[in-house]
């Protein structure tokens, strides 16, 4: 039986020979790739870009539409041509590329950020 890490949401603790570990490990690696060293292209696009590259990441604003509707404050990452979403935890930091700012995730959402 596996457990879930409370900080990054990673699964761990599979027993030898347990089924399901491969898909769990794939999910872990995708989550790490999406959230460690977090840098996003933009945080005020209200719709997904027309031609995102694999690996592109965005913070989703409150007024998002289309595939991003209902995903406010989540991190959208393009993986193998599909959007995947990750909910941030309080204290996570993110570099906003188009603003050259570092933002922190707080209980009320992403901070305005500081220029760096």
C-alpha atoms as a PDB file:
ATOM      1  CA  UNK A   1       0.000   0.000   0.000  1.00  0.00           C
ATOM      2  CA  UNK A   2       1.415   3.395  -0.956  1.00  0.00           C
ATOM      3  CA  UNK A   3       1.217   6.756   0.789  1.00  0.00           C
ATOM      4  CA  UNK A   4       1.104  10.348  -0.433  1.00  0.00           C
ATOM      5  CA  UNK A   5       3.603  13.045   0.523  1.00  0.00           C
ATOM      6  CA  UNK A   6       1.717  16.055   1.966  1.00  0.00           C
ATOM      7  CA  UNK A   7       3.988  18.679   0.382  1.00  0.00           C
ATOM      8  CA  UNK A   8       4.414  17.788  -3.279  1.00  0.00           C
ATOM      9  CA  UNK A   9       1.682  15.158  -3.448  1.00  0.00           C
ATOM     10  CA  UNK A  10       4.133  12.453  -4.532  1.00  0.00           C
ATOM     11  CA  UNK A  11       3.266   8.801  -4.027  1.00  0.00           C
ATOM     12  CA  UNK A  12       5.729   6.547  -2.214  1.00  0.00           C
ATOM     13  CA  UNK A  13       5.975   3.346  -0.204  1.00  0.00           C
ATOM     14  CA  UNK A  14       5.007   0.714  -2.750  1.00  0.00           C
ATOM     15  CA  UNK A  15       5.684  -2.842  -1.686  1.00  0.00           C
ATOM     16  CA  UNK A  16       7.850  -5.046  -3.873  1.00  0.00           C
ATOM     17  CA  UNK A  17       5.752  -6.403  -6.727  1.00  0.00           C
ATOM     18  CA  UNK A  18       2.756  -4.169  -6.044  1.00  0.00           C
ATOM     19  CA  UNK A  19       0.810  -3.341  -9.177  1.00  0.00           C
ATOM     20  CA  UNK A  20       0.207   0.271 -10.122  1.00  0.00           C
ATOM     21  CA  UNK A  21       3.642   1.566  -9.185  1.00  0.00           C
ATOM     22  CA  UNK A  22       4.573   2.341 -12.815  1.00  0.00           C
ATOM     23  CA  UNK A  23       1.675   4.753 -13.368  1.00  0.00           C
ATOM     24  CA  UNK A  24       2.262   6.218  -9.904  1.00  0.00           C
ATOM     25  CA  UNK A  25       5.931   6.777 -10.663  1.00  0.00           C
ATOM     26  CA  UNK A  26       5.055   8.397 -14.002  1.00  0.00           C
ATOM     27  CA  UNK A  27       2.704  10.789 -12.180  1.00  0.00           C
ATOM     28  CA  UNK A  28       5.441  11.557  -9.627  1.00  0.00           C
ATOM     29  CA  UNK A  29       7.999  12.403 -12.304  1.00  0.00           C
ATOM     30  CA  UNK A  30       5.527  14.611 -14.200  1.00  0.00           C
ATOM     31  CA  UNK A  31       4.662  16.471 -10.977  1.00  0.00           C
ATOM     32  CA  UNK A  32       8.327  17.018 -10.151  1.00  0.00           C
ATOM     33  CA  UNK A  33       8.987  18.305 -13.664  1.00  0.00           C
ATOM     34  CA  UNK A  34       6.050  20.685 -13.422  1.00  0.00           C
ATOM     35  CA  UNK A  35       6.703  22.119  -9.964  1.00  0.00           C
ATOM     36  CA  UNK A  36      10.408  21.961  -9.037  1.00  0.00           C
ATOM     37  CA  UNK A  37      12.283  25.104 -10.068  1.00  0.00           C
ATOM     38  CA  UNK A  38       8.917  26.590 -10.968  1.00  0.00           C
ATOM     39  CA  UNK A  39       8.991  29.186 -13.710  1.00  0.00           C
ATOM     40  CA  UNK A  40       5.962  30.086 -15.831  1.00  0.00           C
ATOM     41  CA  UNK A  41       5.607  32.038 -19.053  1.00  0.00           C
ATOM     42  CA  UNK A  42       2.591  34.103 -17.967  1.00  0.00           C
ATOM     43  CA  UNK A  43      -0.093  34.376 -15.294  1.00  0.00           C
ATOM     44  CA  UNK A  44      -2.717  36.594 -16.876  1.00  0.00           C
ATOM     45  CA  UNK A  45      -3.709  34.707 -20.022  1.00  0.00           C
ATOM     46  CA  UNK A  46      -7.393  33.852 -19.732  1.00  0.00           C
ATOM     47  CA  UNK A  47      -7.304  31.134 -22.401  1.00  0.00           C
ATOM     48  CA  UNK A  48      -4.682  28.533 -23.235  1.00  0.00           C
ATOM     49  CA  UNK A  49      -2.243  29.680 -25.943  1.00  0.00           C
ATOM     50  CA  UNK A  50      -2.922  28.403 -29.462  1.00  0.00           C
ATOM     51  CA  UNK A  51       0.429  26.654 -29.997  1.00  0.00           C
ATOM     52  CA  UNK A  52       2.048  25.764 -26.669  1.00  0.00           C
ATOM     53  CA  UNK A  53       5.275  23.770 -26.651  1.00  0.00           C
ATOM     54  CA  UNK A  54       5.672  20.717 -24.479  1.00  0.00           C
ATOM     55  CA  UNK A  55       7.007  21.889 -21.119  1.00  0.00           C
ATOM     56  CA  UNK A  56       5.357  25.327 -21.267  1.00  0.00           C
ATOM     57  CA  UNK A  57       3.897  26.308 -17.877  1.00  0.00           C
ATOM     58  CA  UNK A  58       1.339  28.973 -16.925  1.00  0.00           C
ATOM     59  CA  UNK A  59      -0.450  30.124 -13.774  1.00  0.00           C
ATOM     60  CA  UNK A  60      -4.177  30.134 -14.397  1.00  0.00           C
ATOM     61  CA  UNK A  61      -6.060  33.356 -13.523  1.00  0.00           C
ATOM     62  CA  UNK A  62      -9.583  33.543 -12.072  1.00  0.00           C
ATOM     63  CA  UNK A  63     -11.252  34.485 -15.370  1.00  0.00           C
ATOM     64  CA  UNK A  64      -9.828  31.542 -17.344  1.00  0.00           C
ATOM     65  CA  UNK A  65     -11.860  29.924 -20.107  1.00  0.00           C
ATOM     66  CA  UNK A  66     -11.667  26.846 -22.297  1.00  0.00           C
ATOM     67  CA  UNK A  67      -9.469  24.018 -21.028  1.00  0.00           C
ATOM     68  CA  UNK A  68      -8.367  26.243 -18.129  1.00  0.00           C
ATOM     69  CA  UNK A  69     -11.870  27.077 -16.833  1.00  0.00           C
ATOM     70  CA  UNK A  70     -12.287  26.235 -13.153  1.00  0.00           C
ATOM     71  CA  UNK A  71      -8.542  25.798 -12.576  1.00  0.00           C
ATOM     72  CA  UNK A  72      -7.869  29.164 -10.861  1.00  0.00           C
ATOM     73  CA  UNK A  73      -4.375  29.508  -9.321  1.00  0.00           C
ATOM     74  CA  UNK A  74      -3.282  26.093 -10.592  1.00  0.00           C
ATOM     75  CA  UNK A  75      -0.150  25.482 -12.617  1.00  0.00           C
ATOM     76  CA  UNK A  76      -0.927  24.362 -16.165  1.00  0.00           C
ATOM     77  CA  UNK A  77       1.883  22.450 -17.853  1.00  0.00           C
ATOM     78  CA  UNK A  78       1.870  21.082 -21.382  1.00  0.00           C
ATOM     79  CA  UNK A  79       3.046  17.454 -21.420  1.00  0.00           C
ATOM     80  CA  UNK A  80       2.927  15.342 -24.578  1.00  0.00           C
ATOM     81  CA  UNK A  81       0.383  17.678 -26.192  1.00  0.00           C
ATOM     82  CA  UNK A  82      -2.029  17.679 -23.224  1.00  0.00           C
ATOM     83  CA  UNK A  83      -2.586  20.184 -20.397  1.00  0.00           C
ATOM     84  CA  UNK A  84      -1.933  18.828 -16.916  1.00  0.00           C
ATOM     85  CA  UNK A  85      -2.795  20.775 -13.765  1.00  0.00           C
ATOM     86  CA  UNK A  86      -1.107  21.006 -10.393  1.00  0.00           C
ATOM     87  CA  UNK A  87      -2.537  22.765  -7.358  1.00  0.00           C
ATOM     88  CA  UNK A  88       0.136  24.774  -5.496  1.00  0.00           C
ATOM     89  CA  UNK A  89       0.766  24.605  -1.765  1.00  0.00           C
ATOM     90  CA  UNK A  90       1.239  27.621   0.518  1.00  0.00           C
ATOM     91  CA  UNK A  91       4.852  28.789   0.356  1.00  0.00           C
ATOM     92  CA  UNK A  92       5.637  27.683  -3.191  1.00  0.00           C
ATOM     93  CA  UNK A  93       7.643  30.204  -5.199  1.00  0.00           C
ATOM     94  CA  UNK A  94       7.290  30.850  -8.908  1.00  0.00           C
ATOM     95  CA  UNK A  95       9.259  33.009 -11.332  1.00  0.00           C
ATOM     96  CA  UNK A  96       6.899  34.833 -13.734  1.00  0.00           C
ATOM     97  CA  UNK A  97       8.939  35.135 -16.944  1.00  0.00           C
ATOM     98  CA  UNK A  98       7.005  37.882 -18.758  1.00  0.00           C
ATOM     99  CA  UNK A  99       7.018  40.102 -15.631  1.00  0.00           C
ATOM    100  CA  UNK A 100      10.513  39.220 -14.326  1.00  0.00           C
ATOM    101  CA  UNK A 101       8.956  38.783 -10.854  1.00  0.00           C
ATOM    102  CA  UNK A 102       9.104  36.174  -8.133  1.00  0.00           C
ATOM    103  CA  UNK A 103       5.679  35.342  -6.683  1.00  0.00           C
ATOM    104  CA  UNK A 104       4.742  33.318  -3.587  1.00  0.00           C
ATOM    105  CA  UNK A 105       1.615  31.229  -3.171  1.00  0.00           C
ATOM    106  CA  UNK A 106      -0.375  32.330  -0.106  1.00  0.00           C
ATOM    107  CA  UNK A 107      -3.757  31.205   1.253  1.00  0.00           C
ATOM    108  CA  UNK A 108      -5.360  33.993  -0.815  1.00  0.00           C
ATOM    109  CA  UNK A 109      -3.551  32.989  -4.042  1.00  0.00           C
ATOM    110  CA  UNK A 110      -0.373  34.078  -5.819  1.00  0.00           C
ATOM    111  CA  UNK A 111       1.248  37.289  -4.533  1.00  0.00           C
ATOM    112  CA  UNK A 112       1.824  40.320  -6.749  1.00  0.00           C
ATOM    113  CA  UNK A 113       5.497  39.406  -6.645  1.00  0.00           C
ATOM    114  CA  UNK A 114       8.763  41.251  -6.425  1.00  0.00           C
ATOM    115  CA  UNK A 115      10.931  42.300  -9.345  1.00  0.00           C
ATOM    116  CA  UNK A 116      14.233  40.488  -9.618  1.00  0.00           C
END
